[in-house]
Amino acid sequence: MKMTQQNVDWTVAQLESVYGEPEQNTRPKPMDNLISTILSQNTSDVNSRRAYKSLREHFPTWEDVYAAKPEAVAGAIRSGGLANQKSQRIKRVLEYVRTNNGSFDLEWICGEDPYDIIDEFTGIKGIGVKTISIVLCFSCHQNVFPVDTHVNRICQRLGFVPEKSAPKKTFWTMEEYIPDGKARTFHLNVIHHGRTICKSKNPQCSECVLLTKCDYGQNSINNGN
């Protein structure tokens, strides 16, 4: 499938016809979301949620985390994996925000140009495009389309990006084609589709609502996979 606005719009509509438009019942505060997203890096949702819960139990406020020693923070988030590395990232982010804004309140980013925020926060070691785009999408309701492993794989298979496109490259390629107001819905539906149908291994191409325009799926079926 060629990368065109019509094809992206079609894909969004097809996935919505199956999965609907996922509701967002809560709006996480930007700082809470940023830290929880850091904890989600390179681990499962279950482990990251456990680590975040433990962190908040040990340190109820971000001021408490900021004042704590890195090893104490690492101990609190051990269940999320890469605890020493992530504790340094969290401390670094808190230091940056406090130094530049005088508090740990990140609500202000929601009123800024999202691409300026992406540029600013990806300058902090350990914060990539995916991490800050999740905050902008889910906390600020910006039309920013986060690209994780599932999203990247499906965009490759659909032909929207080259086969070996890195997630960061896919993010910037896709951004201009995301319909207004559809970034969050599209992101969640693609992830759900990637977990249930378009899996990394043994994708269920014959059951895929995108099959008619997916060369990967057509080739897979023709080859008996």
Protein backbone atom coordinates (compact mmCIF):
# COMPACT_ATOMS: atom_id res chain seq x y z
CA MET A 1 0.00 0.00 0.00
CA LYS A 2 1.45 3.35 -0.99
CA MET A 3 1.79 6.08 1.58
CA THR A 4 -1.01 8.46 0.67
CA GLN A 5 -3.50 10.41 2.76
CA GLN A 6 -6.32 8.36 1.26
CA ASN A 7 -4.69 5.09 2.29
CA VAL A 8 -3.97 6.26 5.83
CA ASP A 9 -7.54 7.52 6.19
CA TRP A 10 -8.80 4.15 4.91
CA THR A 11 -6.64 2.29 7.43
CA VAL A 12 -7.88 4.45 10.31
CA ALA A 13 -11.49 3.84 9.25
CA GLN A 14 -11.05 0.09 8.80
CA LEU A 15 -9.55 -0.37 12.24
CA GLU A 16 -12.29 1.76 13.80
CA SER A 17 -14.90 -0.39 12.08
CA VAL A 18 -13.56 -3.36 14.04
CA TYR A 19 -12.27 -1.87 17.29
CA GLY A 20 -14.29 1.33 17.55
CA GLU A 21 -12.91 4.53 19.07
CA PRO A 22 -11.29 3.66 22.41
CA GLU A 23 -12.39 5.92 25.23
CA GLN A 24 -9.95 7.67 27.52
CA ASN A 25 -11.59 7.68 30.92
CA THR A 26 -8.80 9.46 32.73
CA ARG A 27 -6.27 12.11 31.78
CA PRO A 28 -2.92 11.47 33.44
CA LYS A 29 -0.99 14.52 34.57
CA PRO A 30 1.92 15.17 32.19
CA MET A 31 4.63 14.63 34.80
CA ASP A 32 3.00 11.43 36.08
CA ASN A 33 2.68 10.19 32.52
CA LEU A 34 6.26 11.07 31.65
CA ILE A 35 7.68 9.15 34.60
CA SER A 36 5.40 6.14 34.06
CA THR A 37 6.41 6.07 30.39
CA ILE A 38 10.08 6.07 31.32
CA LEU A 39 9.35 3.09 33.55
CA SER A 40 7.60 1.32 30.64
CA GLN A 41 10.72 1.36 28.49
CA ASN A 42 11.99 -2.14 27.63
CA THR A 43 9.60 -3.99 29.92
CA SER A 44 6.04 -5.30 30.06
CA ASP A 45 2.99 -3.24 31.00
CA VAL A 46 2.54 -5.35 34.12
CA ASN A 47 6.10 -4.73 35.31
CA SER A 48 6.03 -1.02 34.55
CA ARG A 49 2.73 -0.52 36.39
CA ARG A 50 4.12 -2.41 39.37
CA ALA A 51 7.26 -0.25 39.36
CA TYR A 52 5.27 2.99 39.14
CA LYS A 53 2.99 1.94 42.01
CA SER A 54 6.01 1.07 44.13
CA LEU A 55 7.71 4.37 43.32
CA ARG A 56 4.67 6.40 44.42
CA GLU A 57 4.29 4.33 47.58
CA HIS A 58 7.91 4.95 48.55
CA PHE A 59 7.93 8.59 47.40
CA PRO A 60 4.43 10.16 47.37
CA THR A 61 5.53 13.40 45.67
CA TRP A 62 7.95 14.23 42.88
CA GLU A 63 9.76 16.45 45.37
CA ASP A 64 10.38 13.30 47.41
CA VAL A 65 11.79 11.49 44.38
CA TYR A 66 13.94 14.50 43.51
CA ALA A 67 15.40 14.59 47.03
CA ALA A 68 16.02 10.86 47.22
CA LYS A 69 19.31 9.18 46.39
CA PRO A 70 19.42 7.41 43.01
CA GLU A 71 19.96 4.04 44.65
CA ALA A 72 16.82 4.53 46.77
CA VAL A 73 14.80 5.33 43.65
CA ALA A 74 16.31 2.30 41.90
CA GLY A 75 15.27 0.10 44.80
CA ALA A 76 11.69 1.31 44.55
CA ILE A 77 11.43 0.58 40.82
CA ARG A 78 13.40 -2.66 40.74
CA SER A 79 10.41 -4.68 39.47
CA GLY A 80 10.37 -2.69 36.23
CA GLY A 81 13.83 -3.75 35.09
CA LEU A 82 16.86 -1.58 34.28
CA ALA A 83 16.29 0.10 37.65
CA ASN A 84 19.65 1.85 37.94
CA GLN A 85 19.40 3.27 34.43
CA LYS A 86 15.79 4.36 34.79
CA SER A 87 16.38 5.94 38.20
CA GLN A 88 19.05 8.13 36.63
CA ARG A 89 16.67 9.10 33.82
CA ILE A 90 13.93 10.00 36.28
CA LYS A 91 16.28 12.08 38.41
CA ARG A 92 17.60 13.80 35.30
CA VAL A 93 14.12 14.72 34.11
CA LEU A 94 13.08 16.05 37.51
CA GLU A 95 16.25 18.11 37.73
CA TYR A 96 15.68 19.57 34.27
CA VAL A 97 12.03 20.47 34.86
CA ARG A 98 12.67 21.98 38.29
CA THR A 99 15.65 23.99 37.10
CA ASN A 100 13.87 25.37 34.05
CA ASN A 101 10.36 25.85 35.45
CA GLY A 102 10.73 26.18 39.20
CA SER A 103 8.39 23.27 39.97
CA PHE A 104 7.50 19.75 38.87
CA ASP A 105 4.29 20.85 37.17
CA LEU A 106 4.40 20.02 33.45
CA GLU A 107 0.91 21.21 32.53
CA TRP A 108 2.43 24.10 30.60
CA ILE A 109 3.67 21.82 27.83
CA CYS A 110 0.07 21.26 26.72
CA GLY A 111 -0.17 24.88 25.60
CA GLU A 112 2.99 24.79 23.53
CA ASP A 113 3.67 23.66 19.98
CA PRO A 114 4.05 19.87 20.35
CA TYR A 115 7.02 19.74 18.01
CA ASP A 116 8.85 22.35 20.08
CA ILE A 117 8.22 20.17 23.13
CA ILE A 118 9.45 17.07 21.31
CA ASP A 119 12.61 18.90 20.31
CA GLU A 120 13.19 20.18 23.85
CA PHE A 121 12.57 16.97 25.76
CA THR A 122 14.40 14.63 23.39
CA GLY A 123 17.44 16.69 24.31
CA ILE A 124 17.29 15.08 27.76
CA LYS A 125 19.25 11.84 27.84
CA GLY A 126 16.90 8.88 28.08
CA ILE A 127 13.85 10.66 26.64
CA GLY A 128 13.07 9.59 23.09
CA VAL A 129 10.40 10.65 20.63
CA LYS A 130 8.07 7.83 21.69
CA THR A 131 8.25 8.75 25.38
CA ILE A 132 7.39 12.43 25.00
CA SER A 133 4.86 11.81 22.21
CA ILE A 134 2.88 9.52 24.54
CA VAL A 135 2.68 12.36 27.05
CA LEU A 136 1.57 14.85 24.40
CA CYS A 137 -1.02 12.43 23.01
CA PHE A 138 -2.59 11.14 26.22
CA SER A 139 -2.03 13.98 28.69
CA CYS A 140 -2.31 16.96 26.36
CA HIS A 141 -4.70 15.50 23.76
CA GLN A 142 -2.38 16.69 21.00
CA ASN A 143 -2.73 15.03 17.60
CA VAL A 144 0.65 13.36 18.01
CA PHE A 145 0.98 9.70 16.93
CA PRO A 146 3.29 7.66 19.20
CA VAL A 147 5.18 4.86 17.48
CA ASP A 148 5.97 1.75 19.51
CA THR A 149 7.07 -1.72 18.36
CA HIS A 150 3.59 -2.76 17.19
CA VAL A 151 2.94 0.50 15.37
CA ASN A 152 6.31 0.40 13.65
CA ARG A 153 5.86 -3.20 12.52
CA ILE A 154 2.39 -2.62 11.09
CA CYS A 155 3.40 0.59 9.31
CA GLN A 156 6.23 -1.38 7.71
CA ARG A 157 3.98 -4.25 6.67
CA LEU A 158 1.40 -1.90 5.19
CA GLY A 159 4.11 -0.22 3.14
CA PHE A 160 3.74 3.19 4.76
CA VAL A 161 7.45 3.15 5.65
CA PRO A 162 10.43 1.08 4.47
CA GLU A 163 10.83 -2.43 5.86
CA LYS A 164 13.67 -1.53 8.20
CA SER A 165 12.45 1.91 9.22
CA ALA A 166 13.41 2.79 12.80
CA PRO A 167 10.54 3.88 15.10
CA LYS A 168 11.82 7.46 15.18
CA LYS A 169 11.90 7.60 11.38
CA THR A 170 8.41 6.07 11.21
CA PHE A 171 7.13 8.70 13.64
CA TRP A 172 8.28 11.59 11.49
CA THR A 173 7.09 9.93 8.27
CA MET A 174 3.60 9.25 9.64
CA GLU A 175 3.02 12.55 11.44
CA GLU A 176 1.86 14.59 8.47
CA TYR A 177 -0.64 11.91 7.42
CA ILE A 178 -2.48 11.40 10.73
CA PRO A 179 -6.05 12.75 10.37
CA ASP A 180 -7.00 15.53 12.77
CA GLY A 181 -8.18 14.16 16.09
CA LYS A 182 -7.31 10.55 15.25
CA ALA A 183 -3.80 10.12 16.66
CA ARG A 184 -4.84 8.55 19.97
CA THR A 185 -7.53 6.30 18.48
CA PHE A 186 -5.30 5.18 15.63
CA HIS A 187 -2.37 4.51 17.97
CA LEU A 188 -4.47 2.37 20.33
CA ASN A 189 -6.21 0.48 17.53
CA VAL A 190 -2.93 -0.31 15.78
CA ILE A 191 -1.48 -1.63 19.05
CA HIS A 192 -4.55 -3.79 19.64
CA HIS A 193 -4.36 -5.03 16.05
CA GLY A 194 -0.68 -5.83 16.50
CA ARG A 195 -1.32 -7.84 19.64
CA THR A 196 -4.25 -9.83 18.29
CA ILE A 197 -3.96 -10.11 14.48
CA CYS A 198 -0.79 -8.61 13.00
CA LYS A 199 1.54 -10.30 15.45
CA SER A 200 5.29 -10.29 15.09
CA LYS A 201 5.23 -14.06 14.61
CA ASN A 202 2.41 -16.02 13.01
CA PRO A 203 0.23 -13.05 11.99
CA GLN A 204 -3.41 -13.93 11.30
CA CYS A 205 -3.47 -12.35 7.84
CA SER A 206 -6.60 -14.17 6.66
CA GLU A 207 -8.55 -12.51 9.50
CA CYS A 208 -7.15 -9.02 8.92
CA VAL A 209 -9.49 -6.18 8.01
CA LEU A 210 -6.60 -4.53 6.15
CA LEU A 211 -5.82 -7.55 3.97
CA THR A 212 -7.23 -6.19 0.69
CA LYS A 213 -4.59 -3.45 0.59
CA CYS A 214 -1.76 -5.15 2.46
CA ASP A 215 0.94 -6.60 0.20
CA TYR A 216 2.58 -8.31 3.17
CA GLY A 217 -0.65 -10.10 4.01
CA GLN A 218 -1.39 -11.05 0.42
CA ASN A 219 2.12 -12.45 -0.03
CA SER A 220 1.88 -14.33 3.25
CA ILE A 221 -1.37 -16.03 2.23
CA ASN A 222 -0.14 -16.79 -1.30
CA ASN A 223 2.97 -18.39 0.14
CA GLY A 224 0.89 -20.54 2.48
CA ASN A 225 2.03 -18.84 5.68
